[in-house]
Structures are given as structure tokens and as C-alpha cells.
Amino acid sequence: MSTAQSDNLPGRQEKRRLRSQLAWYLLLACTVVSCLGALVRASVPDSAESLLLWFFLISASFGLFCVIIGYLTRVVVTRRLRVPELSPLLAPALVVAFTVAAWSADLPIAVRWQFSSHSFDDAARQVRDGVDPRTFEGHRLGLYRIDSADHYAWGIYFRTSPMTGNCSSGGGGFAQLTDASGASDAFHHLNGDWHWFCFDSAGEVTVPDQPIGGSR
């Protein structure tokens, strides 16, 4: 039996088909896990505007684009459209597209905030009633760990990241702004008086040196 004939045996064809499906589903699984990790990272203020995260999403999109172009080229060359292979191919593309859209709309941080807003509201109320905001440092409010907290004339700041890395100028976290004049382009509205922020080295920080009720 020739090699060409042996390659056309039903058993060999089935093995090739299974290997092809396994490769596509492995790609889908890796894409889902990677995108979920990116969305979790994007739910934290110091990562929501991360250039590294943006680079990862662009790279993933470009990689899938290359895969799609390669597959379409194969279809043109062989003049045979393998419809069963399209589902595993389109699924990773849709996952990446959803991830990019969700990240661009600040959806990860908005969803995580919804599970934490009650704790932040309660902490802010206590601070307005006279509790030292530094009481909450090192503790968790909802799904976020508080690195530092301050009470200023126009609002209350709960920082979830130190003044390093992507938020090197003034840290990143959440603020309840009771005076709209204290807001700037660095603040992103969540709901009510609450905003999330990440002051990078290029941003203008309008935070006084002396918070209400204490010093740093």
C-alpha cells in the first residue's frame, strides 16, 4: 500500500481531524484564560490604564487576525471551506473583541466596584462622622485592599495602590468627591459622588499636602 493511500485511510483522517480540533480548542482555552486574567487586572485602578495591558490586548488581537488571514488563505488555495473549523476559529476572536470592548468601557472596574460600593459608602460615612481615615489602611473594603486613606476638603480618598508604577504621581484608588471643583481629567465617574483615579507622572495632581485631621 502506497503512502498516499495509507494517508487516506478513515482512521488516519479521523486522527488528523481530532488533532486539528484539539489545536483549535486549545487556542480557545488559552484565549479565554488570558482574557479573563486581563479583565481581572483591569478591575484595579492602577492597571485599568496600564499600557502593558493595552499592549497585550493589541498583540492578542493581531495574533488572531494573523490566524484568520492564514486560514482564509488556506481556503483560497485549497478551494475548500471547512465550515466545522470556523467555530473554534471565530470563538477566540469574539472573546478578544469582547475583552477589548469591556476594557475600553471600564466594565471590569465598574463590575468589581458594584460588589464593593456598599463597604466604601459605609467607610466614607464613618470618616465624615469623625473616624480617622487611616483606620482603614491595611484592611479590605469590599473586594479591594486599602493602601492609604485621606480626608480632604473636597472629598475622601481611598488608595488601593501606592504611588509607584503606573500611578506614580498620586497613587490610584477611589474617591468620594463632595466638591466637583476637586475633580480633574484623572477622575473617572462610577456612580453618585464616587470616582476612580490613577495619577500618573504626566497627570496634574490637585491634592494638598495636609489632609484633614492629620499629616503624612
Protein backbone atom coordinates (compact mmCIF):
# COMPACT_ATOMS: atom_id res chain seq x y z
CA MET A 1 0.00 0.00 0.00
CA SER A 2 1.41 3.41 -1.02
CA THR A 3 1.89 6.28 1.40
CA ALA A 4 -0.80 8.33 -0.35
CA GLN A 5 -3.30 5.51 0.04
CA SER A 6 -2.43 4.97 3.68
CA ASP A 7 -2.94 8.68 4.39
CA ASN A 8 -6.48 8.40 3.05
CA LEU A 9 -7.47 5.61 5.40
CA PRO A 10 -10.50 6.50 7.55
CA GLY A 11 -8.54 6.01 10.76
CA ARG A 12 -5.77 8.42 9.75
CA GLN A 13 -8.24 11.02 8.53
CA GLU A 14 -10.10 10.82 11.84
CA LYS A 15 -6.87 11.30 13.78
CA ARG A 16 -5.97 14.35 11.70
CA ARG A 17 -9.42 15.80 12.28
CA LEU A 18 -9.17 15.23 16.04
CA ARG A 19 -5.70 16.81 16.18
CA SER A 20 -6.99 19.83 14.28
CA GLN A 21 -9.96 20.22 16.62
CA LEU A 22 -7.74 19.80 19.67
CA ALA A 23 -5.43 22.56 18.44
CA TRP A 24 -8.31 24.96 17.91
CA TYR A 25 -9.92 24.23 21.27
CA LEU A 26 -6.54 24.62 22.96
CA LEU A 27 -6.29 28.05 21.33
CA LEU A 28 -9.77 28.91 22.60
CA ALA A 29 -8.96 27.79 26.15
CA CYS A 30 -5.71 29.78 26.23
CA THR A 31 -7.51 32.83 24.85
CA VAL A 32 -10.28 32.65 27.46
CA VAL A 33 -7.85 32.22 30.36
CA SER A 34 -5.62 35.05 29.14
CA CYS A 35 -8.52 37.43 28.59
CA LEU A 36 -10.06 36.62 31.97
CA GLY A 37 -6.72 37.40 33.58
CA ALA A 38 -6.56 40.69 31.68
CA LEU A 39 -10.09 41.63 32.79
CA VAL A 40 -9.28 40.87 36.42
CA ARG A 41 -6.18 43.05 36.20
CA ALA A 42 -8.23 45.81 34.55
CA SER A 43 -10.61 45.87 37.56
CA VAL A 44 -7.90 47.60 39.65
CA PRO A 45 -7.33 51.36 39.18
CA ASP A 46 -3.55 51.09 38.81
CA SER A 47 -3.99 48.57 35.98
CA ALA A 48 -7.09 49.95 34.26
CA GLU A 49 -4.96 52.39 32.27
CA SER A 50 -1.89 50.17 32.02
CA LEU A 51 -0.04 50.44 28.73
CA LEU A 52 1.22 46.88 29.24
CA LEU A 53 -2.34 45.57 29.43
CA TRP A 54 -3.26 47.53 26.34
CA PHE A 55 -0.20 46.13 24.53
CA PHE A 56 -1.27 42.59 25.49
CA LEU A 57 -4.77 43.08 24.09
CA ILE A 58 -3.43 44.60 20.87
CA SER A 59 -0.96 41.72 20.50
CA ALA A 60 -3.70 39.15 21.07
CA SER A 61 -5.93 40.86 18.52
CA PHE A 62 -3.09 40.97 15.99
CA GLY A 63 -2.29 37.30 16.60
CA LEU A 64 -5.88 36.24 15.98
CA PHE A 65 -6.00 38.45 12.91
CA CYS A 66 -2.97 36.62 11.53
CA VAL A 67 -4.60 33.25 12.28
CA ILE A 68 -7.78 34.28 10.46
CA ILE A 69 -5.83 35.56 7.45
CA GLY A 70 -3.83 32.33 7.38
CA TYR A 71 -6.99 30.24 7.45
CA LEU A 72 -8.66 32.28 4.70
CA THR A 73 -5.51 31.96 2.60
CA ARG A 74 -5.67 28.20 3.07
CA VAL A 75 -9.31 28.21 1.96
CA VAL A 76 -8.44 30.15 -1.20
CA VAL A 77 -5.51 27.88 -2.05
CA THR A 78 -7.35 24.60 -1.46
CA ARG A 79 -10.70 25.98 -2.71
CA ARG A 80 -12.39 24.18 0.12
CA LEU A 81 -14.19 25.87 3.01
CA ARG A 82 -14.02 23.74 6.13
CA VAL A 83 -17.10 25.00 7.98
CA PRO A 84 -16.61 22.86 11.15
CA GLU A 85 -13.27 24.60 11.72
CA LEU A 86 -14.83 28.07 11.69
CA SER A 87 -16.50 27.81 15.10
CA PRO A 88 -13.30 27.29 17.12
CA LEU A 89 -11.66 29.99 14.98
CA LEU A 90 -14.31 32.64 15.47
CA ALA A 91 -14.80 31.96 19.19
CA PRO A 92 -11.32 33.23 20.25
CA ALA A 93 -11.80 36.28 18.04
CA LEU A 94 -15.10 37.07 19.75
CA VAL A 95 -13.54 36.58 23.19
CA VAL A 96 -10.73 39.02 22.40
CA ALA A 97 -13.18 41.51 20.85
CA PHE A 98 -15.35 41.39 23.98
CA THR A 99 -12.29 41.84 26.19
CA VAL A 100 -11.11 44.90 24.27
CA ALA A 101 -14.61 46.42 24.31
CA ALA A 102 -15.07 45.74 28.04
CA TRP A 103 -11.66 47.18 28.90
CA SER A 104 -12.28 50.29 26.78
CA ALA A 105 -15.60 50.88 28.56
CA ASP A 106 -14.09 50.38 32.06
CA LEU A 107 -16.51 47.48 32.54
CA PRO A 108 -14.18 45.32 34.72
CA ILE A 109 -13.64 48.05 37.31
CA ALA A 110 -17.34 49.01 37.22
CA VAL A 111 -18.45 45.42 37.91
CA ARG A 112 -15.95 44.90 40.74
CA TRP A 113 -16.97 48.27 42.20
CA GLN A 114 -20.61 47.19 42.38
CA PHE A 115 -19.61 44.42 44.79
CA SER A 116 -17.60 46.88 46.90
CA SER A 117 -19.53 50.14 46.82
CA HIS A 118 -21.53 49.43 49.99
CA SER A 119 -18.34 48.98 52.01
CA PHE A 120 -16.88 52.21 50.63
CA ASP A 121 -20.10 54.09 51.39
CA ASP A 122 -20.01 52.86 54.97
CA ALA A 123 -16.33 53.77 55.39
CA ALA A 124 -16.87 57.24 53.93
CA ARG A 125 -19.79 57.83 56.30
CA GLN A 126 -17.60 56.90 59.26
CA VAL A 127 -14.87 59.28 58.09
CA ARG A 128 -17.39 62.13 57.81
CA ASP A 129 -18.54 61.29 61.34
CA GLY A 130 -15.02 61.83 62.64
CA VAL A 131 -13.25 58.49 62.29
CA ASP A 132 -9.60 58.79 61.28
CA PRO A 133 -9.42 57.63 57.62
CA ARG A 134 -6.10 55.93 58.36
CA THR A 135 -8.10 53.42 60.40
CA PHE A 136 -8.94 51.63 57.15
CA GLU A 137 -5.36 51.33 55.93
CA GLY A 138 -4.27 47.73 55.51
CA HIS A 139 -7.88 46.50 55.63
CA ARG A 140 -10.25 45.46 52.86
CA LEU A 141 -13.28 47.39 51.68
CA GLY A 142 -15.32 45.02 49.59
CA LEU A 143 -13.02 43.42 47.02
CA TYR A 144 -10.23 45.99 47.42
CA ARG A 145 -7.41 46.30 49.92
CA ILE A 146 -6.79 49.85 51.13
CA ASP A 147 -3.20 51.02 50.94
CA SER A 148 -3.84 54.53 52.31
CA ALA A 149 -6.77 56.84 53.02
CA ASP A 150 -7.12 60.61 53.42
CA HIS A 151 -9.86 63.14 54.08
CA TYR A 152 -9.56 66.38 52.12
CA ALA A 153 -11.76 69.46 51.93
CA TRP A 154 -13.48 68.26 48.77
CA GLY A 155 -13.68 64.55 49.40
CA ILE A 156 -12.37 61.29 50.80
CA TYR A 157 -9.63 59.29 49.09
CA PHE A 158 -9.13 55.54 49.46
CA ARG A 159 -5.98 54.49 47.63
CA THR A 160 -5.74 50.85 46.58
CA SER A 161 -2.25 51.19 45.10
CA PRO A 162 0.86 53.07 46.27
CA MET A 163 2.44 55.98 44.43
CA THR A 164 4.53 53.72 42.23
CA GLY A 165 4.39 52.22 38.78
CA ASN A 166 1.50 53.33 36.60
CA CYS A 167 0.12 55.61 39.34
CA SER A 168 3.47 57.06 40.40
CA SER A 169 2.31 60.66 40.88
CA GLY A 170 -0.54 60.31 43.37
CA GLY A 171 -1.49 56.66 43.64
CA GLY A 172 -4.65 55.01 42.41
CA GLY A 173 -7.95 54.15 44.05
CA PHE A 174 -11.39 55.58 44.72
CA ALA A 175 -12.57 58.98 45.87
CA GLN A 176 -15.90 60.34 47.05
CA LEU A 177 -15.85 63.91 45.79
CA THR A 178 -18.29 66.18 47.61
CA ASP A 179 -16.97 69.21 45.73
CA ALA A 180 -16.90 68.91 41.94
CA SER A 181 -14.11 71.51 41.75
CA GLY A 182 -11.73 68.89 43.13
CA ALA A 183 -12.26 66.66 40.11
CA SER A 184 -9.99 66.61 37.07
CA ASP A 185 -9.49 64.57 33.94
CA ALA A 186 -7.70 61.98 36.08
CA PHE A 187 -11.01 61.03 37.71
CA HIS A 188 -13.42 58.57 36.10
CA HIS A 189 -17.01 58.61 37.33
CA LEU A 190 -18.51 55.43 38.77
CA ASN A 191 -21.80 56.35 40.40
CA GLY A 192 -23.10 59.13 42.64
CA ASP A 193 -20.15 61.05 44.12
CA TRP A 194 -17.73 58.18 43.59
CA HIS A 195 -14.88 58.20 41.09
CA TRP A 196 -11.83 56.07 40.47
CA PHE A 197 -8.48 57.64 39.75
CA CYS A 198 -4.90 56.87 38.78
CA PHE A 199 -2.48 59.78 38.88
CA ASP A 200 0.44 59.07 36.59
CA SER A 201 3.63 61.07 36.30
CA ALA A 202 2.14 63.15 33.48
CA GLY A 203 -1.07 63.99 35.31
CA GLU A 204 -1.81 67.07 37.34
CA VAL A 205 -2.43 66.20 40.97
CA THR A 206 -4.59 68.63 42.93
CA VAL A 207 -4.07 67.06 46.34
CA PRO A 208 -2.97 69.27 49.27
CA ASP A 209 -0.02 68.32 51.41
CA GLN A 210 -2.09 68.49 54.60
CA PRO A 211 -5.21 66.29 54.79
CA ILE A 212 -7.97 66.99 57.28
CA GLY A 213 -7.34 65.51 60.68
CA GLY A 214 -3.67 64.60 60.40
CA SER A 215 -0.43 64.72 58.48
CA ARG A 216 1.62 62.34 56.42
